[in-house]
C-alpha cells in the first residue's frame, strides 16, 4: 500500500468508517501505516475529492490527513502539526456525534499519538527557525487532547462496555508525556484524580496501566511521596513486558533512587543487567556512610543524573549517608548509648 492512489485510499478509508471497522479506520488515519509514504497521497489540495467520497466531518478530517502527508514529505513539520491539529478537531466533532458507542476509540488513539509526535517535531523546527519557544506546539497539542478527554469523561449515558471512558487512560498517558516534557507536572493532578475515581481504573490494558503508573510514580517521587512512588514504579517494573529491556531500564532509573531513599540499596546484578552502573558508586557510598565517596560519585555521573532529572533526588541521600556514618561510629564505640560528640566530628572531618 506504499503506492496507493488517492481514489483507492479514499474508498478504503470510507469503507472502514462506514463499517465501523475501528482497526482498519485507525490504520488509514495513522502515520505508522505505509500509506503515508505514497507519492500519490502527497497532495496539497485534496478537499474536493474527499467531499465526493466521505461524509462530514470525516471528509475534512481525511483531507487534513492527506495534507499532513504532503507537508511531512516536504519536511515541514510545523505545517504537518497544524494539519494534524485539524484532524483532531474534526475527530472531536465525530466522537461527539457517536452517541452511546465507542467503536472509534482506536482511531482516537492513532490521532492523539500522531498529534503529540508532530508537536514535538514542530517545536524543534520552530526553535531552529527562531519562530517559537520550546514546548509551544506541545502546549497547544495538550489543549486539543483535553478536548478529546472531556468528550470521553462526560460519556455517562452509555453502558460501560460501550462507554468512551475506556479512552480516558490512553489520553491521560499522552498528556502525561507532554506535561513531563514541558515541566508542568501540576497539570497531572486533576488527570490522576479523574482516573482514580473510575470504577474501571484497574481494567484497562496492562500496557496502558504500566505507562500510567510509571508517570504517577514519577510524579509522587517529585512530590517526595516516596512510599507511593515505590508502589507505582514497582508495579510498572514488574508488569512491564520482560522483553522490554529499554522500558524496564527507564523505570529503574526512578525506582532505584526511590528505594534508596527508603533505605533499600540496589542489587549489583540488577544494576549491571540494565546497564545502570552509575548507581553502584552511589549505593556503595551510602551503604558505607562515606560522604566523600558519595560526592565524588555524584560529580562523576552528574551529567547522567541531571539528564534523567534525578540529581536533586539523589542529593537527599546525604542524610542517609550521615545516618550510616554515625551508626558506624556508634558500633565502633561498643554500642555505648552515650557517644562523645567529638567522635562524630572526627568522622565527619575524615569524610571531607
C-alpha atoms as a PDB file:
ATOM      1  CA  UNK A   1       0.000   0.000   0.000  1.00  0.00           C
ATOM      2  CA  UNK A   2       3.042   2.275  -0.155  1.00  0.00           C
ATOM      3  CA  UNK A   3       1.952   3.474  -3.636  1.00  0.00           C
ATOM      4  CA  UNK A   4      -1.813   3.578  -3.125  1.00  0.00           C
ATOM      5  CA  UNK A   5      -3.683   6.085  -5.298  1.00  0.00           C
ATOM      6  CA  UNK A   6      -5.797   8.871  -3.820  1.00  0.00           C
ATOM      7  CA  UNK A   7      -9.027   7.370  -5.158  1.00  0.00           C
ATOM      8  CA  UNK A   8      -8.240   3.914  -3.750  1.00  0.00           C
ATOM      9  CA  UNK A   9      -7.202   5.385  -0.409  1.00  0.00           C
ATOM     10  CA  UNK A  10     -10.397   7.432  -0.060  1.00  0.00           C
ATOM     11  CA  UNK A  11     -12.585   4.432  -0.788  1.00  0.00           C
ATOM     12  CA  UNK A  12     -10.847   2.030   1.623  1.00  0.00           C
ATOM     13  CA  UNK A  13     -10.829   4.674   4.356  1.00  0.00           C
ATOM     14  CA  UNK A  14     -14.508   5.424   3.765  1.00  0.00           C
ATOM     15  CA  UNK A  15     -15.376   1.720   3.770  1.00  0.00           C
ATOM     16  CA  UNK A  16     -13.664   1.243   7.137  1.00  0.00           C
ATOM     17  CA  UNK A  17     -15.509   4.213   8.621  1.00  0.00           C
ATOM     18  CA  UNK A  18     -18.880   3.208   7.184  1.00  0.00           C
ATOM     19  CA  UNK A  19     -18.476  -0.343   8.500  1.00  0.00           C
ATOM     20  CA  UNK A  20     -17.345   0.847  11.958  1.00  0.00           C
ATOM     21  CA  UNK A  21     -14.149  -1.138  11.417  1.00  0.00           C
ATOM     22  CA  UNK A  22     -12.125   0.566  14.124  1.00  0.00           C
ATOM     23  CA  UNK A  23      -8.757  -1.078  13.479  1.00  0.00           C
ATOM     24  CA  UNK A  24      -8.861  -0.505   9.732  1.00  0.00           C
ATOM     25  CA  UNK A  25     -10.066   3.086  10.165  1.00  0.00           C
ATOM     26  CA  UNK A  26      -7.263   3.720  12.664  1.00  0.00           C
ATOM     27  CA  UNK A  27      -4.766   2.238  10.237  1.00  0.00           C
ATOM     28  CA  UNK A  28      -5.803   4.536   7.371  1.00  0.00           C
ATOM     29  CA  UNK A  29      -5.560   7.603   9.620  1.00  0.00           C
ATOM     30  CA  UNK A  30      -2.259   6.719  11.292  1.00  0.00           C
ATOM     31  CA  UNK A  31       1.256   7.794  10.344  1.00  0.00           C
ATOM     32  CA  UNK A  32       2.528   4.400  11.441  1.00  0.00           C
ATOM     33  CA  UNK A  33       0.996   2.854   8.316  1.00  0.00           C
ATOM     34  CA  UNK A  34       2.866   2.560   4.997  1.00  0.00           C
ATOM     35  CA  UNK A  35       0.218   4.504   3.009  1.00  0.00           C
ATOM     36  CA  UNK A  36       1.653   7.825   4.225  1.00  0.00           C
ATOM     37  CA  UNK A  37       4.751   7.229   2.044  1.00  0.00           C
ATOM     38  CA  UNK A  38       2.708   7.053  -1.173  1.00  0.00           C
ATOM     39  CA  UNK A  39       3.674   9.828  -3.583  1.00  0.00           C
ATOM     40  CA  UNK A  40       0.087   9.806  -4.838  1.00  0.00           C
ATOM     41  CA  UNK A  41      -1.167  10.935  -1.407  1.00  0.00           C
ATOM     42  CA  UNK A  42       1.224  13.849  -1.101  1.00  0.00           C
ATOM     43  CA  UNK A  43      -1.371  16.366  -2.273  1.00  0.00           C
ATOM     44  CA  UNK A  44      -1.822  19.921  -1.020  1.00  0.00           C
ATOM     45  CA  UNK A  45      -5.478  20.369  -2.023  1.00  0.00           C
ATOM     46  CA  UNK A  46      -7.413  17.076  -1.803  1.00  0.00           C
ATOM     47  CA  UNK A  47     -10.550  18.680  -0.297  1.00  0.00           C
ATOM     48  CA  UNK A  48     -12.806  18.373  -3.336  1.00  0.00           C
ATOM     49  CA  UNK A  49     -12.044  14.684  -3.915  1.00  0.00           C
ATOM     50  CA  UNK A  50     -12.591  13.972  -0.216  1.00  0.00           C
ATOM     51  CA  UNK A  51     -16.011  15.642  -0.234  1.00  0.00           C
ATOM     52  CA  UNK A  52     -17.077  13.412  -3.148  1.00  0.00           C
ATOM     53  CA  UNK A  53     -16.392  10.202  -1.216  1.00  0.00           C
ATOM     54  CA  UNK A  54     -16.691  10.896   2.518  1.00  0.00           C
ATOM     55  CA  UNK A  55     -19.383  12.393   4.745  1.00  0.00           C
ATOM     56  CA  UNK A  56     -18.642  15.256   7.141  1.00  0.00           C
ATOM     57  CA  UNK A  57     -16.722  15.612   9.374  1.00  0.00           C
ATOM     58  CA  UNK A  58     -14.644  12.737   8.018  1.00  0.00           C
ATOM     59  CA  UNK A  59     -14.209  14.418   4.635  1.00  0.00           C
ATOM     60  CA  UNK A  60     -12.364  17.332   6.244  1.00  0.00           C
ATOM     61  CA  UNK A  61     -10.520  15.025   8.622  1.00  0.00           C
ATOM     62  CA  UNK A  62      -9.178  12.803   5.841  1.00  0.00           C
ATOM     63  CA  UNK A  63      -8.319  15.858   3.709  1.00  0.00           C
ATOM     64  CA  UNK A  64      -6.199  17.217   6.571  1.00  0.00           C
ATOM     65  CA  UNK A  65      -4.530  13.823   6.969  1.00  0.00           C
ATOM     66  CA  UNK A  66      -3.563  13.852   3.278  1.00  0.00           C
ATOM     67  CA  UNK A  67      -2.248  17.434   3.552  1.00  0.00           C
ATOM     68  CA  UNK A  68      -0.217  16.215   6.509  1.00  0.00           C
ATOM     69  CA  UNK A  69       1.344  13.576   4.223  1.00  0.00           C
ATOM     70  CA  UNK A  70       2.286  16.368   1.817  1.00  0.00           C
ATOM     71  CA  UNK A  71       3.970  18.507   4.485  1.00  0.00           C
ATOM     72  CA  UNK A  72       5.833  15.552   6.025  1.00  0.00           C
ATOM     73  CA  UNK A  73       7.185  14.648   2.573  1.00  0.00           C
ATOM     74  CA  UNK A  74       8.408  18.255   2.312  1.00  0.00           C
ATOM     75  CA  UNK A  75       9.891  18.160   5.836  1.00  0.00           C
ATOM     76  CA  UNK A  76       7.649  20.985   7.058  1.00  0.00           C
ATOM     77  CA  UNK A  77       6.697  19.653  10.485  1.00  0.00           C
ATOM     78  CA  UNK A  78       5.172  22.931  11.652  1.00  0.00           C
ATOM     79  CA  UNK A  79       2.512  22.753   8.934  1.00  0.00           C
ATOM     80  CA  UNK A  80       2.242  18.988   9.400  1.00  0.00           C
ATOM     81  CA  UNK A  81       1.388  19.635  13.051  1.00  0.00           C
ATOM     82  CA  UNK A  82      -1.191  22.271  12.061  1.00  0.00           C
ATOM     83  CA  UNK A  83      -2.902  19.779   9.763  1.00  0.00           C
ATOM     84  CA  UNK A  84      -2.828  17.064  12.432  1.00  0.00           C
ATOM     85  CA  UNK A  85      -4.414  19.575  14.817  1.00  0.00           C
ATOM     86  CA  UNK A  86      -7.174  19.990  12.236  1.00  0.00           C
ATOM     87  CA  UNK A  87      -7.536  16.189  12.043  1.00  0.00           C
ATOM     88  CA  UNK A  88      -8.004  16.178  15.827  1.00  0.00           C
ATOM     89  CA  UNK A  89     -10.591  18.972  15.795  1.00  0.00           C
ATOM     90  CA  UNK A  90     -12.621  17.125  13.176  1.00  0.00           C
ATOM     91  CA  UNK A  91     -12.405  13.916  15.169  1.00  0.00           C
ATOM     92  CA  UNK A  92     -13.717  15.669  18.295  1.00  0.00           C
ATOM     93  CA  UNK A  93     -16.859  16.502  16.277  1.00  0.00           C
ATOM     94  CA  UNK A  94     -17.115  12.922  15.019  1.00  0.00           C
ATOM     95  CA  UNK A  95     -16.683  11.485  18.511  1.00  0.00           C
ATOM     96  CA  UNK A  96     -19.368  13.768  19.915  1.00  0.00           C
ATOM     97  CA  UNK A  97     -21.766  12.558  17.213  1.00  0.00           C
ATOM     98  CA  UNK A  98     -21.236   8.901  18.167  1.00  0.00           C
ATOM     99  CA  UNK A  99     -23.955   8.568  20.784  1.00  0.00           C
ATOM    100  CA  UNK A 100     -23.612   5.656  23.225  1.00  0.00           C
ATOM    101  CA  UNK A 101     -20.907   3.913  21.222  1.00  0.00           C
ATOM    102  CA  UNK A 102     -17.130   3.734  21.393  1.00  0.00           C
ATOM    103  CA  UNK A 103     -16.083   1.835  18.260  1.00  0.00           C
ATOM    104  CA  UNK A 104     -13.907   4.764  17.120  1.00  0.00           C
ATOM    105  CA  UNK A 105     -11.570   4.788  20.146  1.00  0.00           C
ATOM    106  CA  UNK A 106      -8.695   3.098  18.225  1.00  0.00           C
ATOM    107  CA  UNK A 107      -8.957   5.933  15.680  1.00  0.00           C
ATOM    108  CA  UNK A 108      -8.705   8.428  18.539  1.00  0.00           C
ATOM    109  CA  UNK A 109      -5.607   6.672  19.887  1.00  0.00           C
ATOM    110  CA  UNK A 110      -3.896   6.921  16.488  1.00  0.00           C
ATOM    111  CA  UNK A 111      -4.880  10.571  16.029  1.00  0.00           C
ATOM    112  CA  UNK A 112      -3.742  11.522  19.552  1.00  0.00           C
ATOM    113  CA  UNK A 113      -0.369   9.801  19.227  1.00  0.00           C
ATOM    114  CA  UNK A 114       0.385  11.466  15.897  1.00  0.00           C
ATOM    115  CA  UNK A 115      -0.662  14.857  17.290  1.00  0.00           C
ATOM    116  CA  UNK A 116       1.823  14.617  20.152  1.00  0.00           C
ATOM    117  CA  UNK A 117       4.673  13.379  17.947  1.00  0.00           C
ATOM    118  CA  UNK A 118       4.103  16.077  15.331  1.00  0.00           C
ATOM    119  CA  UNK A 119       4.030  18.681  18.104  1.00  0.00           C
ATOM    120  CA  UNK A 120       7.460  17.502  19.287  1.00  0.00           C
ATOM    121  CA  UNK A 121       8.891  17.816  15.766  1.00  0.00           C
ATOM    122  CA  UNK A 122       7.151  21.147  15.170  1.00  0.00           C
ATOM    123  CA  UNK A 123       8.690  22.599  18.325  1.00  0.00           C
ATOM    124  CA  UNK A 124      12.169  21.531  17.227  1.00  0.00           C
ATOM    125  CA  UNK A 125      11.647  23.175  13.840  1.00  0.00           C
ATOM    126  CA  UNK A 126      10.162  26.369  15.317  1.00  0.00           C
ATOM    127  CA  UNK A 127      13.140  26.802  17.638  1.00  0.00           C
ATOM    128  CA  UNK A 128      15.572  26.140  14.758  1.00  0.00           C
ATOM    129  CA  UNK A 129      13.832  28.847  12.714  1.00  0.00           C
ATOM    130  CA  UNK A 130      13.698  31.261  15.692  1.00  0.00           C
ATOM    131  CA  UNK A 131       9.935  31.419  15.247  1.00  0.00           C
ATOM    132  CA  UNK A 132       8.779  29.947  18.530  1.00  0.00           C
ATOM    133  CA  UNK A 133       9.619  28.752  22.019  1.00  0.00           C
ATOM    134  CA  UNK A 134      10.335  25.203  23.122  1.00  0.00           C
ATOM    135  CA  UNK A 135       7.121  23.438  24.102  1.00  0.00           C
ATOM    136  CA  UNK A 136       4.808  25.876  22.312  1.00  0.00           C
ATOM    137  CA  UNK A 137       3.249  23.301  19.981  1.00  0.00           C
ATOM    138  CA  UNK A 138       3.109  20.702  22.750  1.00  0.00           C
ATOM    139  CA  UNK A 139       1.060  23.051  24.936  1.00  0.00           C
ATOM    140  CA  UNK A 140      -1.396  23.557  22.095  1.00  0.00           C
ATOM    141  CA  UNK A 141      -1.493  19.799  21.483  1.00  0.00           C
ATOM    142  CA  UNK A 142      -2.345  19.269  25.157  1.00  0.00           C
ATOM    143  CA  UNK A 143      -5.332  21.601  24.792  1.00  0.00           C
ATOM    144  CA  UNK A 144      -6.528  19.582  21.803  1.00  0.00           C
ATOM    145  CA  UNK A 145      -6.116  16.298  23.693  1.00  0.00           C
ATOM    146  CA  UNK A 146      -8.069  17.750  26.607  1.00  0.00           C
ATOM    147  CA  UNK A 147     -10.931  18.341  24.154  1.00  0.00           C
ATOM    148  CA  UNK A 148     -10.954  14.608  23.394  1.00  0.00           C
ATOM    149  CA  UNK A 149     -10.580  13.777  27.081  1.00  0.00           C
ATOM    150  CA  UNK A 150     -13.636  15.846  28.023  1.00  0.00           C
ATOM    151  CA  UNK A 151     -15.773  14.014  25.448  1.00  0.00           C
ATOM    152  CA  UNK A 152     -14.685  10.653  26.864  1.00  0.00           C
ATOM    153  CA  UNK A 153     -15.003  11.671  30.517  1.00  0.00           C
ATOM    154  CA  UNK A 154     -18.512  13.080  30.066  1.00  0.00           C
ATOM    155  CA  UNK A 155     -19.922   9.915  28.461  1.00  0.00           C
ATOM    156  CA  UNK A 156     -22.220   8.893  31.316  1.00  0.00           C
ATOM    157  CA  UNK A 157     -25.217   7.555  29.418  1.00  0.00           C
ATOM    158  CA  UNK A 158     -23.729   4.583  27.592  1.00  0.00           C
ATOM    159  CA  UNK A 159     -23.451   1.115  29.104  1.00  0.00           C
ATOM    160  CA  UNK A 160     -19.938   0.575  30.434  1.00  0.00           C
ATOM    161  CA  UNK A 161     -18.923  -1.742  27.561  1.00  0.00           C
ATOM    162  CA  UNK A 162     -19.931   0.978  25.059  1.00  0.00           C
ATOM    163  CA  UNK A 163     -18.585   3.895  27.079  1.00  0.00           C
ATOM    164  CA  UNK A 164     -15.996   6.302  25.736  1.00  0.00           C
ATOM    165  CA  UNK A 165     -14.495   6.319  29.234  1.00  0.00           C
ATOM    166  CA  UNK A 166     -12.370   3.412  28.008  1.00  0.00           C
ATOM    167  CA  UNK A 167     -10.424   6.016  26.030  1.00  0.00           C
ATOM    168  CA  UNK A 168      -9.521   8.150  29.038  1.00  0.00           C
ATOM    169  CA  UNK A 169      -6.352   6.383  30.182  1.00  0.00           C
ATOM    170  CA  UNK A 170      -4.723   6.434  26.745  1.00  0.00           C
ATOM    171  CA  UNK A 171      -5.285  10.201  26.553  1.00  0.00           C
ATOM    172  CA  UNK A 172      -4.034  10.726  30.103  1.00  0.00           C
ATOM    173  CA  UNK A 173      -0.815   8.892  29.222  1.00  0.00           C
ATOM    174  CA  UNK A 174      -0.334  11.111  26.170  1.00  0.00           C
ATOM    175  CA  UNK A 175      -0.941  14.189  28.332  1.00  0.00           C
ATOM    176  CA  UNK A 176       1.494  12.942  30.986  1.00  0.00           C
ATOM    177  CA  UNK A 177       4.207  12.659  28.330  1.00  0.00           C
ATOM    178  CA  UNK A 178       3.558  16.251  27.296  1.00  0.00           C
ATOM    179  CA  UNK A 179       3.368  17.687  30.822  1.00  0.00           C
ATOM    180  CA  UNK A 180       6.594  15.976  31.863  1.00  0.00           C
ATOM    181  CA  UNK A 181       8.358  17.223  28.734  1.00  0.00           C
ATOM    182  CA  UNK A 182       7.248  20.856  29.226  1.00  0.00           C
ATOM    183  CA  UNK A 183       7.699  20.619  33.008  1.00  0.00           C
ATOM    184  CA  UNK A 184       4.110  21.318  34.036  1.00  0.00           C
ATOM    185  CA  UNK A 185       3.627  18.445  36.453  1.00  0.00           C
ATOM    186  CA  UNK A 186       0.922  20.284  38.435  1.00  0.00           C
ATOM    187  CA  UNK A 187      -1.414  19.695  35.482  1.00  0.00           C
ATOM    188  CA  UNK A 188      -1.187  15.932  36.099  1.00  0.00           C
ATOM    189  CA  UNK A 189      -3.073  16.119  39.399  1.00  0.00           C
ATOM    190  CA  UNK A 190      -6.654  16.534  38.041  1.00  0.00           C
ATOM    191  CA  UNK A 191      -5.998  13.796  35.485  1.00  0.00           C
ATOM    192  CA  UNK A 192      -4.835  11.391  38.201  1.00  0.00           C
ATOM    193  CA  UNK A 193      -7.937  12.253  40.235  1.00  0.00           C
ATOM    194  CA  UNK A 194     -10.168  11.545  37.227  1.00  0.00           C
ATOM    195  CA  UNK A 195      -8.613   8.114  36.602  1.00  0.00           C
ATOM    196  CA  UNK A 196      -8.547   7.089  40.256  1.00  0.00           C
ATOM    197  CA  UNK A 197     -12.281   7.818  40.561  1.00  0.00           C
ATOM    198  CA  UNK A 198     -13.165   5.487  37.659  1.00  0.00           C
ATOM    199  CA  UNK A 199     -14.810   2.151  38.549  1.00  0.00           C
ATOM    200  CA  UNK A 200     -12.862   0.637  35.627  1.00  0.00           C
ATOM    201  CA  UNK A 201      -9.479   2.072  36.682  1.00  0.00           C
ATOM    202  CA  UNK A 202      -7.888  -1.385  37.072  1.00  0.00           C
ATOM    203  CA  UNK A 203      -9.487  -2.882  33.955  1.00  0.00           C
ATOM    204  CA  UNK A 204      -7.577  -1.024  31.260  1.00  0.00           C
ATOM    205  CA  UNK A 205      -4.995  -2.880  29.191  1.00  0.00           C
ATOM    206  CA  UNK A 206      -1.848  -3.797  31.108  1.00  0.00           C
ATOM    207  CA  UNK A 207       0.377  -1.763  28.777  1.00  0.00           C
ATOM    208  CA  UNK A 208      -1.675   1.377  29.468  1.00  0.00           C
ATOM    209  CA  UNK A 209      -1.654   0.707  33.214  1.00  0.00           C
ATOM    210  CA  UNK A 210       2.136   0.258  33.198  1.00  0.00           C
ATOM    211  CA  UNK A 211       2.592   3.611  31.445  1.00  0.00           C
ATOM    212  CA  UNK A 212       0.108   5.337  33.761  1.00  0.00           C
ATOM    213  CA  UNK A 213       1.703   4.022  36.957  1.00  0.00           C
ATOM    214  CA  UNK A 214       5.180   4.868  35.696  1.00  0.00           C
ATOM    215  CA  UNK A 215       4.233   8.532  35.351  1.00  0.00           C
ATOM    216  CA  UNK A 216       2.181   8.642  38.562  1.00  0.00           C
ATOM    217  CA  UNK A 217       5.155   7.090  40.343  1.00  0.00           C
ATOM    218  CA  UNK A 218       7.495   9.732  38.958  1.00  0.00           C
ATOM    219  CA  UNK A 219       5.054  12.468  39.987  1.00  0.00           C
ATOM    220  CA  UNK A 220       4.907  11.022  43.533  1.00  0.00           C
ATOM    221  CA  UNK A 221       8.718  10.944  43.621  1.00  0.00           C
ATOM    222  CA  UNK A 222       8.950  14.645  42.788  1.00  0.00           C
ATOM    223  CA  UNK A 223       6.282  15.313  45.442  1.00  0.00           C
ATOM    224  CA  UNK A 224       8.512  13.490  47.985  1.00  0.00           C
ATOM    225  CA  UNK A 225       5.842  10.817  48.486  1.00  0.00           C
ATOM    226  CA  UNK A 226       8.355   8.000  48.268  1.00  0.00           C
ATOM    227  CA  UNK A 227       6.122   5.197  49.565  1.00  0.00           C
ATOM    228  CA  UNK A 228       3.542   5.857  46.817  1.00  0.00           C
ATOM    229  CA  UNK A 229       6.313   6.344  44.264  1.00  0.00           C
ATOM    230  CA  UNK A 230       7.765   2.945  45.154  1.00  0.00           C
ATOM    231  CA  UNK A 231       4.343   1.277  44.896  1.00  0.00           C
ATOM    232  CA  UNK A 232       3.569   2.693  41.454  1.00  0.00           C
ATOM    233  CA  UNK A 233       7.060   2.278  39.987  1.00  0.00           C
ATOM    234  CA  UNK A 234       7.391  -1.255  41.349  1.00  0.00           C
ATOM    235  CA  UNK A 235       4.102  -2.197  39.655  1.00  0.00           C
ATOM    236  CA  UNK A 236       5.319  -0.649  36.394  1.00  0.00           C
ATOM    237  CA  UNK A 237       8.631  -2.532  36.552  1.00  0.00           C
ATOM    238  CA  UNK A 238       7.167  -5.906  37.500  1.00  0.00           C
ATOM    239  CA  UNK A 239       4.315  -5.755  34.972  1.00  0.00           C
ATOM    240  CA  UNK A 240       6.367  -4.317  32.120  1.00  0.00           C
ATOM    241  CA  UNK A 241       6.955  -6.978  29.474  1.00  0.00           C
ATOM    242  CA  UNK A 242      10.108  -8.969  30.205  1.00  0.00           C
ATOM    243  CA  UNK A 243      11.439  -8.313  26.684  1.00  0.00           C
ATOM    244  CA  UNK A 244      11.002  -4.535  27.007  1.00  0.00           C
ATOM    245  CA  UNK A 245      14.552  -4.069  28.261  1.00  0.00           C
ATOM    246  CA  UNK A 246      14.635  -0.363  27.366  1.00  0.00           C
ATOM    247  CA  UNK A 247      11.385   0.397  29.217  1.00  0.00           C
ATOM    248  CA  UNK A 248      12.347  -1.647  32.275  1.00  0.00           C
ATOM    249  CA  UNK A 249      15.659   0.236  32.399  1.00  0.00           C
ATOM    250  CA  UNK A 250      13.820   3.560  32.204  1.00  0.00           C
ATOM    251  CA  UNK A 251      11.565   2.589  35.124  1.00  0.00           C
ATOM    252  CA  UNK A 252      14.593   1.547  37.202  1.00  0.00           C
ATOM    253  CA  UNK A 253      16.195   4.965  36.718  1.00  0.00           C
ATOM    254  CA  UNK A 254      13.460   6.305  39.012  1.00  0.00           C
ATOM    255  CA  UNK A 255      12.688   3.224  41.112  1.00  0.00           C
ATOM    256  CA  UNK A 256      16.287   2.777  42.301  1.00  0.00           C
ATOM    257  CA  UNK A 257      16.621   6.303  43.818  1.00  0.00           C
ATOM    258  CA  UNK A 258      13.202   5.964  45.472  1.00  0.00           C
ATOM    259  CA  UNK A 259      14.139   2.625  47.054  1.00  0.00           C
ATOM    260  CA  UNK A 260      17.488   4.054  48.143  1.00  0.00           C
ATOM    261  CA  UNK A 261      15.734   6.936  49.893  1.00  0.00           C
ATOM    262  CA  UNK A 262      13.617   4.322  51.663  1.00  0.00           C
ATOM    263  CA  UNK A 263      16.775   2.547  52.793  1.00  0.00           C
ATOM    264  CA  UNK A 264      16.990  -0.281  50.230  1.00  0.00           C
ATOM    265  CA  UNK A 265      20.156  -0.341  48.121  1.00  0.00           C
ATOM    266  CA  UNK A 266      20.016  -1.892  44.601  1.00  0.00           C
ATOM    267  CA  UNK A 267      21.398  -5.366  43.915  1.00  0.00           C
ATOM    268  CA  UNK A 268      24.632  -5.327  41.920  1.00  0.00           C
ATOM    269  CA  UNK A 269      23.304  -7.929  39.474  1.00  0.00           C
ATOM    270  CA  UNK A 270      20.195  -5.898  38.693  1.00  0.00           C
ATOM    271  CA  UNK A 271      22.171  -2.703  38.137  1.00  0.00           C
ATOM    272  CA  UNK A 272      24.623  -4.450  35.804  1.00  0.00           C
ATOM    273  CA  UNK A 273      21.858  -6.254  33.895  1.00  0.00           C
ATOM    274  CA  UNK A 274      20.219  -2.953  32.956  1.00  0.00           C
ATOM    275  CA  UNK A 275      23.494  -1.049  32.422  1.00  0.00           C
ATOM    276  CA  UNK A 276      22.895   1.379  35.283  1.00  0.00           C
ATOM    277  CA  UNK A 277      26.351   1.159  36.842  1.00  0.00           C
ATOM    278  CA  UNK A 278      26.117   4.877  37.681  1.00  0.00           C
ATOM    279  CA  UNK A 279      24.153   3.832  40.763  1.00  0.00           C
ATOM    280  CA  UNK A 280      26.799   1.359  42.014  1.00  0.00           C
ATOM    281  CA  UNK A 281      29.201   4.026  43.278  1.00  0.00           C
ATOM    282  CA  UNK A 282      26.349   5.969  44.865  1.00  0.00           C
ATOM    283  CA  UNK A 283      24.919   2.900  46.604  1.00  0.00           C
ATOM    284  CA  UNK A 284      28.346   1.848  47.905  1.00  0.00           C
ATOM    285  CA  UNK A 285      28.968   5.332  49.326  1.00  0.00           C
ATOM    286  CA  UNK A 286      25.577   5.495  51.033  1.00  0.00           C
ATOM    287  CA  UNK A 287      25.867   1.953  52.387  1.00  0.00           C
ATOM    288  CA  UNK A 288      29.306   2.634  53.899  1.00  0.00           C
ATOM    289  CA  UNK A 289      28.405   6.098  55.190  1.00  0.00           C
ATOM    290  CA  UNK A 290      31.165   7.638  53.074  1.00  0.00           C
ATOM    291  CA  UNK A 291      30.111  11.201  52.282  1.00  0.00           C
ATOM    292  CA  UNK A 292      33.335  11.956  50.384  1.00  0.00           C
ATOM    293  CA  UNK A 293      32.768   8.942  48.140  1.00  0.00           C
ATOM    294  CA  UNK A 294      29.133   9.991  47.609  1.00  0.00           C
ATOM    295  CA  UNK A 295      30.152  13.487  46.499  1.00  0.00           C
ATOM    296  CA  UNK A 296      32.714  12.004  44.114  1.00  0.00           C
ATOM    297  CA  UNK A 297      30.119   9.590  42.658  1.00  0.00           C
ATOM    298  CA  UNK A 298      27.603  12.415  42.208  1.00  0.00           C
ATOM    299  CA  UNK A 299      30.211  14.524  40.427  1.00  0.00           C
ATOM    300  CA  UNK A 300      31.389  11.637  38.255  1.00  0.00           C
ATOM    301  CA  UNK A 301      27.878  10.813  36.998  1.00  0.00           C
ATOM    302  CA  UNK A 302      26.443  14.319  37.251  1.00  0.00           C
ATOM    303  CA  UNK A 303      25.557  14.638  33.558  1.00  0.00           C
ATOM    304  CA  UNK A 304      23.598  11.354  33.577  1.00  0.00           C
ATOM    305  CA  UNK A 305      21.705  12.173  36.771  1.00  0.00           C
ATOM    306  CA  UNK A 306      20.812  15.682  35.570  1.00  0.00           C
ATOM    307  CA  UNK A 307      19.695  14.386  32.169  1.00  0.00           C
ATOM    308  CA  UNK A 308      17.392  11.883  33.899  1.00  0.00           C
ATOM    309  CA  UNK A 309      16.048  14.556  36.259  1.00  0.00           C
ATOM    310  CA  UNK A 310      17.103  12.702  39.421  1.00  0.00           C
ATOM    311  CA  UNK A 311      20.147  14.684  40.584  1.00  0.00           C
ATOM    312  CA  UNK A 312      18.276  16.636  43.272  1.00  0.00           C
ATOM    313  CA  UNK A 313      16.515  13.461  44.408  1.00  0.00           C
ATOM    314  CA  UNK A 314      19.878  11.706  44.850  1.00  0.00           C
ATOM    315  CA  UNK A 315      21.204  14.721  46.771  1.00  0.00           C
ATOM    316  CA  UNK A 316      18.744  13.770  49.510  1.00  0.00           C
ATOM    317  CA  UNK A 317      20.748  10.562  50.045  1.00  0.00           C
ATOM    318  CA  UNK A 318      23.272  12.600  52.010  1.00  0.00           C
ATOM    319  CA  UNK A 319      21.123  12.441  55.135  1.00  0.00           C
ATOM    320  CA  UNK A 320      21.026   8.619  54.908  1.00  0.00           C
ATOM    321  CA  UNK A 321      24.800   8.612  54.372  1.00  0.00           C
ATOM    322  CA  UNK A 322      25.223  10.718  57.546  1.00  0.00           C
ATOM    323  CA  UNK A 323      22.979   8.289  59.403  1.00  0.00           C
ATOM    324  CA  UNK A 324      25.032   5.291  58.264  1.00  0.00           C
ATOM    325  CA  UNK A 325      28.258   7.075  59.181  1.00  0.00           C
ATOM    326  CA  UNK A 326      27.018   7.860  62.681  1.00  0.00           C
ATOM    327  CA  UNK A 327      25.809   4.274  63.036  1.00  0.00           C
ATOM    328  CA  UNK A 328      29.353   3.052  62.284  1.00  0.00           C
ATOM    329  CA  UNK A 329      30.745   5.396  64.934  1.00  0.00           C
ATOM    330  CA  UNK A 330      28.186   4.046  67.405  1.00  0.00           C
ATOM    331  CA  UNK A 331      29.209   0.453  66.635  1.00  0.00           C
ATOM    332  CA  UNK A 332      32.915   1.289  66.959  1.00  0.00           C
ATOM    333  CA  UNK A 333      32.186   2.783  70.387  1.00  0.00           C
ATOM    334  CA  UNK A 334      30.843  -0.601  71.563  1.00  0.00           C
ATOM    335  CA  UNK A 335      27.195   0.462  71.153  1.00  0.00           C
ATOM    336  CA  UNK A 336      27.510   2.908  74.010  1.00  0.00           C
ATOM    337  CA  UNK A 337      24.328   4.974  74.054  1.00  0.00           C
ATOM    338  CA  UNK A 338      26.416   7.968  75.163  1.00  0.00           C
ATOM    339  CA  UNK A 339      28.881   8.785  72.368  1.00  0.00           C
ATOM    340  CA  UNK A 340      31.027  11.881  72.668  1.00  0.00           C
ATOM    341  CA  UNK A 341      30.244  14.491  70.014  1.00  0.00           C
ATOM    342  CA  UNK A 342      33.956  14.719  69.170  1.00  0.00           C
ATOM    343  CA  UNK A 343      33.796  11.168  67.793  1.00  0.00           C
ATOM    344  CA  UNK A 344      31.238  12.315  65.213  1.00  0.00           C
ATOM    345  CA  UNK A 345      33.198  15.457  64.299  1.00  0.00           C
ATOM    346  CA  UNK A 346      36.344  13.381  63.719  1.00  0.00           C
ATOM    347  CA  UNK A 347      34.373  11.030  61.444  1.00  0.00           C
ATOM    348  CA  UNK A 348      32.967  13.986  59.506  1.00  0.00           C
ATOM    349  CA  UNK A 349      36.443  15.510  59.038  1.00  0.00           C
ATOM    350  CA  UNK A 350      37.635  12.204  57.631  1.00  0.00           C
ATOM    351  CA  UNK A 351      34.805  12.362  55.086  1.00  0.00           C
ATOM    352  CA  UNK A 352      35.980  15.764  53.860  1.00  0.00           C
END
